[in-house]
N, C-alpha and C. Protein backbone atom coordinates (compact mmCIF):
# COMPACT_ATOMS: atom_id res chain seq x y z
N MET A 1 -5.20 -30.72 -5.75
CA MET A 1 -6.83 -30.58 -4.79
C MET A 1 -6.39 -29.16 -4.12
N ARG A 2 -7.48 -28.63 -3.92
CA ARG A 2 -7.12 -27.70 -2.84
C ARG A 2 -8.03 -27.52 -1.66
N LEU A 3 -7.35 -27.35 -0.95
CA LEU A 3 -8.25 -27.53 0.81
C LEU A 3 -8.27 -26.10 1.69
N ILE A 4 -9.44 -26.03 1.69
CA ILE A 4 -9.35 -24.51 2.12
C ILE A 4 -10.12 -24.87 3.80
N ILE A 5 -9.23 -24.13 4.91
CA ILE A 5 -9.67 -24.27 6.37
C ILE A 5 -10.22 -22.94 6.78
N GLU A 6 -11.34 -22.88 7.32
CA GLU A 6 -11.50 -21.32 7.76
C GLU A 6 -12.35 -21.70 9.11
N ASP A 7 -12.03 -20.20 9.69
CA ASP A 7 -12.42 -20.34 11.03
C ASP A 7 -12.16 -21.11 11.96
N VAL A 8 -10.70 -21.39 12.13
CA VAL A 8 -10.19 -22.33 13.17
C VAL A 8 -9.05 -21.27 13.94
N PRO A 9 -8.58 -21.54 15.00
CA PRO A 9 -7.70 -20.67 15.66
C PRO A 9 -6.14 -20.64 14.77
N GLU A 10 -5.57 -19.71 14.85
CA GLU A 10 -4.19 -19.76 13.74
C GLU A 10 -3.38 -20.54 14.31
N ASP A 11 -3.06 -21.37 15.62
CA ASP A 11 -2.62 -22.03 16.08
C ASP A 11 -2.36 -23.63 15.18
N LEU A 12 -4.12 -23.80 15.27
CA LEU A 12 -4.27 -25.25 14.81
C LEU A 12 -4.36 -25.15 13.20
N ALA A 13 -4.52 -24.01 12.46
CA ALA A 13 -4.28 -23.73 10.88
C ALA A 13 -2.67 -24.04 10.80
N ARG A 14 -1.70 -23.36 11.21
CA ARG A 14 -0.49 -23.68 10.97
C ARG A 14 -0.01 -25.04 11.62
N GLU A 15 -0.75 -25.64 12.54
CA GLU A 15 -0.49 -27.36 12.73
C GLU A 15 -1.04 -27.91 11.51
N ILE A 16 -2.08 -28.00 11.22
CA ILE A 16 -2.37 -28.34 9.75
C ILE A 16 -1.64 -28.27 8.45
N ALA A 17 -1.42 -27.08 8.39
CA ALA A 17 -0.46 -26.61 7.12
C ALA A 17 0.79 -27.59 7.37
N ALA A 18 1.32 -27.49 8.46
CA ALA A 18 2.44 -27.95 8.70
C ALA A 18 2.60 -29.68 8.55
N LEU A 19 1.16 -30.17 9.09
CA LEU A 19 1.25 -31.90 8.85
C LEU A 19 1.03 -32.18 7.28
N ILE A 20 0.29 -31.02 6.61
CA ILE A 20 -0.39 -31.40 4.94
C ILE A 20 1.80 -31.31 4.86
N GLY A 21 2.33 -30.50 4.98
CA GLY A 21 3.70 -29.98 4.09
C GLY A 21 4.77 -31.50 4.44
N LYS A 22 4.48 -32.23 5.73
CA LYS A 22 5.33 -33.38 5.97
C LYS A 22 4.69 -34.46 5.42
N HIS A 23 3.73 -34.51 4.59
CA HIS A 23 2.99 -35.68 4.13
C HIS A 23 3.48 -35.30 2.26
N GLY A 24 4.28 -34.51 2.04
CA GLY A 24 4.92 -34.65 0.83
C GLY A 24 3.86 -33.95 -0.23
N SER A 25 3.00 -32.99 0.30
CA SER A 25 1.79 -32.76 -0.66
C SER A 25 2.52 -32.08 -2.25
N ALA A 26 2.15 -32.30 -3.19
CA ALA A 26 2.38 -31.98 -4.78
C ALA A 26 2.82 -30.39 -4.42
N SER A 27 1.79 -29.67 -3.71
CA SER A 27 2.25 -28.18 -3.62
C SER A 27 2.30 -28.05 -1.95
N ALA A 28 2.95 -27.06 -1.97
CA ALA A 28 3.60 -26.60 -0.39
C ALA A 28 2.33 -26.00 0.03
N ALA A 29 2.12 -26.26 1.47
CA ALA A 29 1.06 -25.71 2.30
C ALA A 29 1.21 -24.69 2.55
N THR A 30 0.39 -23.53 2.44
CA THR A 30 0.81 -22.29 2.71
C THR A 30 -0.60 -21.56 3.86
N PHE A 31 0.26 -20.62 4.63
CA PHE A 31 -0.80 -19.80 5.77
C PHE A 31 -1.02 -18.99 5.45
N ALA A 32 -1.91 -18.11 5.39
CA ALA A 32 -2.20 -16.68 4.93
C ALA A 32 -3.27 -16.36 6.14
N PRO A 33 -2.17 -15.22 7.01
CA PRO A 33 -2.62 -14.39 8.23
C PRO A 33 -3.75 -13.80 7.83
N GLU A 34 -4.92 -13.63 8.63
CA GLU A 34 -5.83 -12.79 8.60
C GLU A 34 -5.81 -11.62 9.50
N TRP A 35 -6.51 -10.48 9.20
CA TRP A 35 -6.73 -9.25 9.99
C TRP A 35 -8.04 -9.93 10.67
N THR A 36 -8.11 -9.33 11.99
CA THR A 36 -9.29 -9.85 13.03
C THR A 36 -9.58 -8.61 13.46
N VAL A 37 -10.98 -8.24 13.93
CA VAL A 37 -11.16 -7.14 14.60
C VAL A 37 -10.53 -6.53 15.68
N THR A 38 -9.66 -7.62 16.62
CA THR A 38 -8.91 -7.32 17.76
C THR A 38 -7.80 -6.88 17.35
N ARG A 39 -6.99 -7.46 16.11
CA ARG A 39 -5.63 -7.00 15.28
C ARG A 39 -5.79 -5.42 14.52
N ALA A 40 -6.91 -5.56 14.09
CA ALA A 40 -7.23 -4.25 13.40
C ALA A 40 -7.22 -3.06 14.52
N GLU A 41 -8.00 -3.24 15.45
CA GLU A 41 -8.29 -2.25 16.75
C GLU A 41 -6.54 -1.88 17.43
N GLN A 42 -5.81 -3.06 17.54
CA GLN A 42 -4.48 -2.61 18.01
C GLN A 42 -3.88 -2.09 17.22
N LEU A 43 -3.74 -2.06 15.81
CA LEU A 43 -2.89 -1.46 14.91
C LEU A 43 -3.56 -0.08 14.86
N LEU A 44 -4.84 0.14 14.88
CA LEU A 44 -5.38 1.40 14.83
C LEU A 44 -5.10 2.05 15.96
N ARG A 45 -4.58 1.84 17.01
CA ARG A 45 -4.21 2.25 18.28
C ARG A 45 -2.50 2.51 18.61
N ASP A 46 -2.10 1.84 17.55
CA ASP A 46 -0.64 1.90 17.60
C ASP A 46 -0.01 2.87 16.77
N ILE A 47 -1.02 3.47 16.00
CA ILE A 47 -0.53 4.37 14.77
C ILE A 47 -0.64 5.93 14.91
N PRO A 48 0.01 6.85 14.27
CA PRO A 48 -0.51 8.36 14.39
C PRO A 48 -1.79 8.75 13.71
N SER A 49 -2.29 9.48 13.97
CA SER A 49 -3.84 9.88 13.71
C SER A 49 -3.64 9.95 12.17
N VAL A 50 -2.72 10.77 11.60
CA VAL A 50 -2.73 10.77 10.03
C VAL A 50 -3.14 9.43 9.36
N ALA A 51 -1.85 8.29 9.98
CA ALA A 51 -1.98 7.15 9.21
C ALA A 51 -3.68 6.58 9.61
N ALA A 52 -3.95 6.83 10.89
CA ALA A 52 -5.17 6.40 11.04
C ALA A 52 -6.58 6.83 10.16
N LYS A 53 -6.12 8.07 9.78
CA LYS A 53 -7.06 8.62 9.15
C LYS A 53 -7.27 7.94 7.60
N LEU A 54 -5.97 7.55 7.10
CA LEU A 54 -6.00 6.89 5.93
C LEU A 54 -6.80 5.35 5.93
N ILE A 55 -6.69 4.89 7.07
CA ILE A 55 -7.36 3.44 7.02
C ILE A 55 -8.84 4.06 7.10
N ARG A 56 -9.34 5.21 8.07
CA ARG A 56 -10.39 5.58 8.28
C ARG A 56 -11.48 5.87 6.92
N GLU A 57 -10.60 6.66 6.12
CA GLU A 57 -11.01 6.77 4.75
C GLU A 57 -11.59 5.75 4.06
N ALA A 58 -10.33 5.06 3.88
CA ALA A 58 -10.42 3.67 3.00
C ALA A 58 -11.43 3.06 3.31
N VAL A 59 -11.93 2.70 4.85
CA VAL A 59 -13.35 2.08 5.18
C VAL A 59 -14.74 3.08 4.92
N ALA A 60 -14.47 4.17 5.13
CA ALA A 60 -15.55 5.16 4.73
C ALA A 60 -16.03 4.87 3.28
N GLY A 61 -14.90 4.91 2.48
CA GLY A 61 -15.19 4.91 0.94
C GLY A 61 -15.21 3.30 0.36
N ASN A 62 -15.50 2.12 1.51
CA ASN A 62 -15.80 1.07 0.92
C ASN A 62 -14.62 0.77 0.23
N GLY A 63 -13.40 0.83 0.63
CA GLY A 63 -12.22 0.32 0.32
C GLY A 63 -11.25 1.40 -0.49
N TRP A 64 -11.72 2.43 -0.73
CA TRP A 64 -10.82 3.62 -1.36
C TRP A 64 -10.78 4.82 -0.60
N ALA A 65 -9.71 5.33 -0.34
CA ALA A 65 -9.44 6.32 0.32
C ALA A 65 -8.80 7.23 -0.98
N ALA A 66 -9.34 8.11 -1.51
CA ALA A 66 -8.85 9.16 -2.33
C ALA A 66 -7.70 10.18 -1.79
N ALA A 67 -6.65 10.40 -2.59
CA ALA A 67 -5.45 11.15 -2.13
C ALA A 67 -5.92 12.61 -1.78
N ASP A 68 -7.09 13.21 -2.77
CA ASP A 68 -7.35 14.54 -2.45
C ASP A 68 -8.02 14.63 -1.06
N LYS A 69 -8.59 13.73 -0.71
CA LYS A 69 -9.24 13.67 0.65
C LYS A 69 -8.24 13.93 1.96
N LEU A 70 -7.25 13.22 1.61
CA LEU A 70 -6.13 12.91 2.51
C LEU A 70 -5.36 14.13 2.43
N ARG A 71 -5.18 14.89 1.41
CA ARG A 71 -4.36 16.33 0.92
C ARG A 71 -4.64 17.15 1.70
N GLY A 72 -6.29 17.15 2.44
CA GLY A 72 -6.67 18.25 3.03
C GLY A 72 -7.23 19.36 2.02
N PRO A 73 -7.93 20.43 2.32
CA PRO A 73 -9.04 21.38 1.88
C PRO A 73 -8.05 21.97 0.59
N ASP A 74 -7.08 22.29 1.28
CA ASP A 74 -6.26 22.94 -0.03
C ASP A 74 -5.10 22.05 -0.88
N GLY A 75 -5.14 20.76 -0.60
CA GLY A 75 -4.71 19.54 -1.54
C GLY A 75 -3.07 19.62 -1.14
N THR A 76 -2.64 20.29 -0.23
CA THR A 76 -0.82 20.57 -0.26
C THR A 76 -0.28 19.77 1.23
N ALA A 77 -1.48 18.95 1.50
CA ALA A 77 -0.88 17.83 2.85
C ALA A 77 -0.09 16.98 2.12
N SER A 78 1.28 16.79 2.50
CA SER A 78 1.71 15.67 2.13
C SER A 78 1.30 13.93 2.57
N LEU A 79 1.32 13.27 1.67
CA LEU A 79 1.20 11.54 2.34
C LEU A 79 2.17 11.04 2.41
N ARG A 80 3.32 11.49 2.57
CA ARG A 80 4.74 10.99 2.81
C ARG A 80 4.45 10.34 4.52
N GLY A 81 4.85 9.06 4.50
CA GLY A 81 4.96 8.64 6.08
C GLY A 81 3.70 8.08 6.09
N ARG A 82 2.39 8.29 5.89
CA ARG A 82 1.39 7.67 6.48
C ARG A 82 1.30 6.07 6.53
N SER A 83 1.66 5.53 5.21
CA SER A 83 1.67 4.19 5.05
C SER A 83 2.64 3.39 5.51
N GLY A 84 4.07 4.15 5.47
CA GLY A 84 5.11 3.74 6.47
C GLY A 84 4.94 3.71 7.45
N ALA A 85 4.02 4.49 8.26
CA ALA A 85 3.78 4.24 9.81
C ALA A 85 3.06 3.27 9.94
N ILE A 86 2.04 2.53 8.97
CA ILE A 86 1.48 1.25 9.29
C ILE A 86 2.25 0.64 9.43
N THR A 87 3.17 0.38 8.28
CA THR A 87 4.48 -0.79 8.15
C THR A 87 4.95 -1.05 9.28
N LYS A 88 5.57 0.26 10.00
CA LYS A 88 6.06 -0.18 11.25
C LYS A 88 5.78 -0.46 12.04
N ALA A 89 4.19 0.07 12.55
CA ALA A 89 3.16 -0.55 13.24
C ALA A 89 3.02 -2.04 13.07
N ILE A 90 2.58 -2.52 11.96
CA ILE A 90 2.56 -3.70 11.70
C ILE A 90 3.81 -4.60 12.17
N ASN A 91 4.98 -4.05 11.94
CA ASN A 91 6.40 -5.06 12.53
C ASN A 91 6.30 -4.81 14.19
N ARG A 92 5.84 -3.78 14.64
CA ARG A 92 6.11 -3.49 16.13
C ARG A 92 4.92 -4.95 16.65
N GLY A 93 3.82 -5.02 16.16
CA GLY A 93 2.88 -5.90 16.30
C GLY A 93 3.67 -7.69 16.38
N ALA A 94 4.03 -7.36 15.04
CA ALA A 94 4.65 -8.82 15.14
C ALA A 94 6.02 -9.22 16.05
N ALA A 95 6.87 -8.10 16.32
CA ALA A 95 7.57 -8.43 17.05
C ALA A 95 6.84 -8.81 18.67
N ALA A 96 5.99 -7.92 18.91
CA ALA A 96 5.13 -8.01 20.30
C ALA A 96 4.20 -9.51 20.42
N LYS A 97 4.42 -10.52 19.22
CA LYS A 97 3.59 -11.58 19.00
C LYS A 97 1.81 -11.10 18.94
N ARG A 98 1.49 -10.28 18.42
CA ARG A 98 0.42 -9.71 18.26
C ARG A 98 -0.25 -10.23 17.27
N TRP A 99 0.13 -10.56 16.17
CA TRP A 99 0.00 -11.48 14.82
C TRP A 99 1.34 -11.64 14.23
N PRO A 100 0.85 -12.21 13.17
CA PRO A 100 2.05 -13.03 12.42
C PRO A 100 3.27 -12.31 11.79
N ALA A 101 4.16 -12.55 11.54
CA ALA A 101 5.30 -11.66 10.92
C ALA A 101 4.95 -11.46 9.59
N ASP A 102 3.94 -12.17 9.00
CA ASP A 102 3.92 -12.15 7.45
C ASP A 102 2.47 -11.53 7.08
N MET A 103 2.07 -10.79 8.04
CA MET A 103 0.66 -9.92 7.76
C MET A 103 0.67 -8.73 6.87
N ASP A 104 0.02 -8.81 5.53
CA ASP A 104 -0.15 -7.78 4.92
C ASP A 104 -0.62 -6.14 5.27
N ALA A 105 -0.23 -5.29 5.16
CA ALA A 105 -0.78 -3.91 5.13
C ALA A 105 -2.18 -3.98 4.56
N PRO A 106 -3.08 -3.47 5.58
CA PRO A 106 -4.61 -3.05 4.86
C PRO A 106 -4.75 -2.38 4.01
N VAL A 107 -3.84 -1.40 3.61
CA VAL A 107 -4.25 -0.34 2.53
C VAL A 107 -2.82 -0.51 1.59
N GLN A 108 -2.73 -0.01 0.44
CA GLN A 108 -2.05 -0.37 -0.64
C GLN A 108 -2.25 1.01 -1.75
N ALA A 109 -1.10 1.79 -1.74
CA ALA A 109 -1.10 2.65 -2.38
C ALA A 109 -1.36 2.57 -3.79
N GLN A 110 -2.22 3.40 -4.58
CA GLN A 110 -2.70 3.16 -6.25
C GLN A 110 -1.87 4.58 -6.64
N TYR A 111 -1.49 4.15 -7.81
CA TYR A 111 -0.62 5.20 -8.54
C TYR A 111 -1.22 5.48 -9.85
N ASP A 112 -1.19 6.48 -10.72
CA ASP A 112 -1.81 7.16 -11.79
C ASP A 112 -1.22 6.35 -12.84
N PRO A 113 -2.17 5.32 -13.50
CA PRO A 113 -1.60 4.44 -14.74
C PRO A 113 -1.20 5.26 -15.85
N GLU A 114 -1.58 6.37 -16.14
CA GLU A 114 -1.64 7.16 -17.28
C GLU A 114 -0.18 8.40 -17.05
N ASN A 115 0.19 8.11 -15.83
CA ASN A 115 1.49 9.03 -15.68
C ASN A 115 2.53 8.07 -14.78
N PRO A 116 2.93 7.02 -15.20
CA PRO A 116 3.78 6.00 -14.83
C PRO A 116 5.53 6.80 -14.46
N SER A 117 5.71 7.86 -15.19
CA SER A 117 6.87 8.47 -14.76
C SER A 117 6.98 9.41 -13.14
N TYR A 118 5.77 9.84 -12.82
CA TYR A 118 5.67 10.61 -11.63
C TYR A 118 4.79 9.76 -10.98
N GLN A 119 5.37 9.20 -9.91
CA GLN A 119 4.78 8.90 -9.04
C GLN A 119 3.95 9.11 -7.42
N ARG A 120 2.94 9.97 -8.08
CA ARG A 120 1.97 10.52 -6.76
C ARG A 120 0.85 9.92 -6.87
N THR A 121 0.63 9.10 -5.51
CA THR A 121 -0.65 8.41 -5.14
C THR A 121 -1.77 9.25 -5.72
N THR A 122 -2.76 8.36 -6.45
CA THR A 122 -4.15 8.54 -6.74
C THR A 122 -5.03 8.22 -5.51
N GLY A 123 -4.66 7.45 -4.43
CA GLY A 123 -5.69 7.04 -3.35
C GLY A 123 -4.96 5.71 -2.90
N TYR A 124 -5.59 4.99 -1.69
CA TYR A 124 -5.16 3.98 -1.31
C TYR A 124 -6.48 2.82 -1.33
N VAL A 125 -5.78 1.56 -1.51
CA VAL A 125 -7.04 0.64 -1.50
C VAL A 125 -7.25 -0.55 -0.58
N MET A 126 -7.72 -0.55 -0.09
CA MET A 126 -8.21 -1.53 0.89
C MET A 126 -9.08 -3.00 0.56
N PRO A 127 -8.60 -4.23 0.68
CA PRO A 127 -9.27 -5.21 -0.03
C PRO A 127 -10.65 -5.28 0.53
N GLU A 128 -11.75 -5.62 -0.05
CA GLU A 128 -13.00 -5.61 0.22
C GLU A 128 -13.52 -6.45 1.52
N ASP A 129 -12.31 -7.69 1.61
CA ASP A 129 -13.16 -8.22 2.86
C ASP A 129 -12.65 -7.66 4.21
N LEU A 130 -11.49 -6.70 3.79
CA LEU A 130 -11.02 -6.05 5.10
C LEU A 130 -11.96 -4.97 5.96
N VAL A 131 -12.51 -4.44 4.99
CA VAL A 131 -13.45 -3.21 5.17
C VAL A 131 -14.57 -3.52 6.44
N PRO A 132 -15.11 -4.63 6.30
CA PRO A 132 -16.21 -4.57 7.83
C PRO A 132 -15.14 -5.01 8.82
N VAL A 133 -14.09 -5.41 8.63
CA VAL A 133 -13.15 -5.91 9.95
C VAL A 133 -12.70 -4.76 10.44
N PHE A 134 -12.31 -3.79 9.80
CA PHE A 134 -11.66 -2.42 10.11
C PHE A 134 -12.80 -1.49 10.54
N ARG A 135 -13.93 -1.42 10.09
CA ARG A 135 -15.14 -0.91 10.43
C ARG A 135 -15.50 -1.21 11.77
N ALA A 136 -15.37 -2.50 12.03
CA ALA A 136 -15.86 -2.99 13.27
C ALA A 136 -14.69 -2.74 14.46
N ALA A 137 -13.24 -2.54 13.85
CA ALA A 137 -12.34 -1.75 14.94
C ALA A 137 -12.61 -0.51 15.01
N ILE A 138 -12.74 0.34 14.20
CA ILE A 138 -13.01 1.72 14.21
C ILE A 138 -13.95 2.16 15.58
N GLU A 139 -15.17 1.06 15.04
CA GLU A 139 -16.36 1.47 16.04
C GLU A 139 -15.86 0.72 17.75
N ARG A 140 -15.16 0.04 17.78
CA ARG A 140 -14.07 -0.30 19.26
C ARG A 140 -13.68 0.90 19.62
N VAL A 141 -12.58 1.56 18.70
CA VAL A 141 -12.17 2.49 19.03
C VAL A 141 -12.34 3.75 19.56
N ASP A 142 -13.52 4.16 18.78
CA ASP A 142 -14.10 5.18 18.52
C ASP A 142 -15.40 5.28 20.14
N HIS A 143 -15.70 4.11 20.59
CA HIS A 143 -16.69 3.83 21.52
C HIS A 143 -16.22 3.21 22.67
N GLY A 144 -14.76 2.96 22.84
CA GLY A 144 -13.97 2.34 23.93
C GLY A 144 -14.54 1.15 24.30
N SER A 145 -14.49 0.42 23.23
CA SER A 145 -15.30 -1.18 23.67
C SER A 145 -13.97 -1.54 23.55
């Protein structure tokens, strides 16, 4: 049996998952933390502008940020460190208890499958369900809400 619990506070969801686990469920109960607008806003405020641009481009592209746009008009700007800055900010947020330690990064690099030996990213992907969350967070950041 599969049980889905949505729209409950995280602490309650964790308690429910723990309770299910105590009763010897055939499969372990798992908890998948989610990005909320508040968490996304906090992340955006805690990353350098070049890393925020990566997230902004992914939102503007409905989940896709082409590397060409991020590399600048002449195509030479490096993408190094942008996603690393996001990962570091996620770790800082977890240490500060702003979100659980097991939060996934909102964007992932995508590489050219036709050229597996040279790992130059073709862009970054944001899961479809995160686009509206981060769009609302960007709105808050931009308009001081």
